[in-house]
């Protein structure tokens, strides 16, 4: 089996966002310790697996599937907030959150225009 090399997405110069398909996505809080980050990532992956299972159960019209889906999505949200990827921003200089905005329409436009491959 061949290894597939995955190129890391570009990171904004201030380290706050990654760029995926031209859109900004908030990075995890760099002040998190390794154990705290690992626990949040583990909770996130558990939540994502639960979402997948609940969606499957919903397609199969299993009872309680919609309740399970809501709980799983809440778990994902909580994990994302623990990582700092959602909820209040983790920086404290008053700069607004630009998550989900197209990089070309933000204060990162000039930096983004200079990238090769464009993320």
Protein backbone atom coordinates (compact mmCIF):
# COMPACT_ATOMS: atom_id res chain seq x y z
CA UNK A 1 0.00 0.00 0.00
CA UNK A 2 1.38 3.41 -0.96
CA UNK A 3 1.57 6.19 1.57
CA UNK A 4 -0.46 9.23 0.69
CA UNK A 5 1.22 12.49 1.54
CA UNK A 6 -1.21 15.10 2.76
CA UNK A 7 -0.08 18.69 2.46
CA UNK A 8 -0.87 20.80 5.51
CA UNK A 9 -3.16 23.73 4.74
CA UNK A 10 -1.64 27.20 4.78
CA UNK A 11 -1.72 29.04 8.10
CA UNK A 12 -2.25 32.79 8.29
CA UNK A 13 0.80 34.79 9.37
CA UNK A 14 -0.70 35.43 12.81
CA UNK A 15 -1.41 31.71 13.31
CA UNK A 16 -5.13 32.18 13.91
CA UNK A 17 -6.54 30.43 10.84
CA UNK A 18 -5.89 27.74 8.30
CA UNK A 19 -7.13 28.16 4.73
CA UNK A 20 -9.11 25.34 3.14
CA UNK A 21 -10.51 25.86 -0.37
CA UNK A 22 -9.97 29.59 0.01
CA UNK A 23 -11.93 29.85 3.25
CA UNK A 24 -10.59 30.73 6.72
CA UNK A 25 -11.08 28.23 9.56
CA UNK A 26 -10.04 29.03 13.12
CA UNK A 27 -7.13 26.99 14.46
CA UNK A 28 -7.04 25.38 17.86
CA UNK A 29 -5.87 27.54 20.74
CA UNK A 30 -2.06 27.26 20.85
CA UNK A 31 -2.06 27.84 24.61
CA UNK A 32 -3.68 24.44 25.24
CA UNK A 33 -1.36 21.97 26.88
CA UNK A 34 -0.68 18.64 25.15
CA UNK A 35 -2.91 16.64 27.52
CA UNK A 36 -5.78 19.13 27.29
CA UNK A 37 -5.53 19.24 23.49
CA UNK A 38 -5.36 15.44 23.23
CA UNK A 39 -8.45 15.07 25.43
CA UNK A 40 -10.40 17.59 23.33
CA UNK A 41 -9.33 15.94 20.06
CA UNK A 42 -10.35 12.55 21.45
CA UNK A 43 -13.75 13.95 22.47
CA UNK A 44 -14.13 15.51 19.02
CA UNK A 45 -13.42 12.25 17.23
CA UNK A 46 -15.79 10.35 19.55
CA UNK A 47 -18.46 12.94 18.82
CA UNK A 48 -17.91 12.70 15.06
CA UNK A 49 -18.22 8.92 15.19
CA UNK A 50 -21.45 9.33 17.16
CA UNK A 51 -22.79 11.75 14.52
CA UNK A 52 -22.01 9.22 11.80
CA UNK A 53 -23.72 6.42 13.73
CA UNK A 54 -26.77 8.59 14.48
CA UNK A 55 -27.10 9.62 10.83
CA UNK A 56 -27.02 5.96 9.85
CA UNK A 57 -29.65 5.16 12.48
CA UNK A 58 -31.78 8.04 11.21
CA UNK A 59 -31.57 6.73 7.61
CA UNK A 60 -32.70 3.35 8.92
CA UNK A 61 -35.58 5.02 10.81
CA UNK A 62 -34.42 3.67 14.16
CA UNK A 63 -36.24 5.04 17.20
CA UNK A 64 -34.32 7.68 19.13
CA UNK A 65 -32.03 8.46 16.22
CA UNK A 66 -32.85 12.17 16.11
CA UNK A 67 -32.21 12.51 19.85
CA UNK A 68 -28.90 10.68 19.47
CA UNK A 69 -27.97 12.92 16.55
CA UNK A 70 -28.68 16.08 18.55
CA UNK A 71 -26.60 14.79 21.47
CA UNK A 72 -23.74 13.82 19.16
CA UNK A 73 -23.73 17.24 17.51
CA UNK A 74 -23.70 18.89 20.94
CA UNK A 75 -20.66 16.76 21.84
CA UNK A 76 -18.87 17.89 18.67
CA UNK A 77 -19.71 21.52 19.44
CA UNK A 78 -18.40 21.18 23.01
CA UNK A 79 -15.16 19.60 21.79
CA UNK A 80 -14.67 22.31 19.16
CA UNK A 81 -15.23 24.97 21.83
CA UNK A 82 -12.72 23.23 24.13
CA UNK A 83 -10.18 23.35 21.30
CA UNK A 84 -10.91 27.02 20.69
CA UNK A 85 -12.12 26.41 17.13
CA UNK A 86 -15.62 27.65 17.97
CA UNK A 87 -17.12 29.89 20.61
CA UNK A 88 -15.26 32.93 21.91
CA UNK A 89 -11.97 33.64 20.15
CA UNK A 90 -8.80 32.64 21.98
CA UNK A 91 -6.88 35.82 21.20
CA UNK A 92 -7.32 38.94 23.27
CA UNK A 93 -6.46 41.88 21.02
CA UNK A 94 -10.06 42.62 20.04
CA UNK A 95 -9.68 41.44 16.44
CA UNK A 96 -12.98 39.98 15.21
CA UNK A 97 -13.39 36.36 14.19
CA UNK A 98 -13.24 35.80 10.43
CA UNK A 99 -13.95 32.07 10.44
CA UNK A 100 -15.70 30.80 7.30
CA UNK A 101 -15.01 33.98 5.35
CA UNK A 102 -13.24 33.81 2.01
CA UNK A 103 -9.61 34.75 2.59
CA UNK A 104 -9.67 37.06 -0.42
CA UNK A 105 -12.36 39.17 1.29
CA UNK A 106 -10.53 39.60 4.60
CA UNK A 107 -7.53 41.44 5.99
CA UNK A 108 -5.51 38.40 4.85
CA UNK A 109 -6.29 39.09 1.16
CA UNK A 110 -2.81 40.33 0.20
CA UNK A 111 -1.13 37.44 2.00
CA UNK A 112 -3.52 34.94 0.41
CA UNK A 113 -2.99 36.40 -3.08
CA UNK A 114 0.73 35.69 -2.73
CA UNK A 115 0.31 32.00 -1.92
CA UNK A 116 1.21 29.25 -4.37
CA UNK A 117 -1.55 26.65 -4.59
CA UNK A 118 -4.01 28.88 -2.71
CA UNK A 119 -4.93 26.38 0.02
